């Protein structure tokens, strides 16, 4: 808790330097602007709103729940040509095809997930599972991710996420596939199932839990208030969740995200995403080593205006953090589960 040490991340097979004593140092670096609190519920110029016109000229329907549409500026396209053959091993290229979709969570721009009802969050989870099934029928990797807040590169103030399906396994997927397969081979139990059982027993990094799920600040966390959302039973993919597990997932997501917002009483920015067993051609293979999980990576460190930057040592040597995972978990755990905006009312 007081002295620097390194912690091993078995999921990524790397290390993070923990320097707890540095959290006391004064801050004179960049300050961020808190997110605006006056987002209009509907804006005809916001391309994600019902009835708004998007950049490609299409008009959104007057949707009342979730709404999925092809990304107008996709990073992956299904018909990209093959790259030219390389004339040297140091200049290799490979095919990269896929599809990119955008999913709006709700028709109102002034809502975020923690302010939505449990039924509305459950509808988001069901839409995620449907997309994972649909795209996973042909693509080996379906990445569901949400960038929340302008600080994380979100260009539209509207509750939404993105879903990118690719013809290849991305780097993080390949890495987690290798480490989880190795752990099952050596220890006879899926890594993250064993990890969840250990964290549920130890409690020191536990943030919230219910019958089916738990959220921890992982022992190897890199970002200040990073969390890992884990199911208690062995489940490989999002679409494999039962009805009751989807209900309890909606509940624990709401509780976690309310705590995030309550930490600095601001709409808490983060990047989050689901990782599960590969799909497509992998659907017929043995993927028992995989355990479904979601990563939350929030950048705020000391307040709504002070963030953690991954620079210098982190970029050139290895990840480093000041606040220990145990301290971060205790702060999150102690926060109320009623949203600060609702308490004010």
Foldseek 3Di string as FASTA:
>chain_A
DAAWDWDADLLQRDIAIEGQNCVPDDDDDFWADFDDLPDFFDDLPFQVAQQHADPVRDGHHNDAAKDKDFDPDDPAAADDDADDCDPDPVDDDGDKHWTKMKMFLGNTLNDELLRDDLVSLLVVLVVVLVVCVVLLQAAFDKKKKAWDDVVSVDPGSGYMTMIIGMNDQDPSLVSSLVSLVVCCVVPVAQPVLVVVVVCVVVVLQWQDDDDFKTKGCDQRHQAQQKIKIFTNDADFDSNPDDPVNSSVVSVVVSQLQLLQCQLQVGNFTWMKIKDGGTGRVCPPPDSSSTGIMMIIHTFCHDHSTHGDDCDDCCVVPNGYDHNGSSNSSVSSNPGDSPHPVVVVD
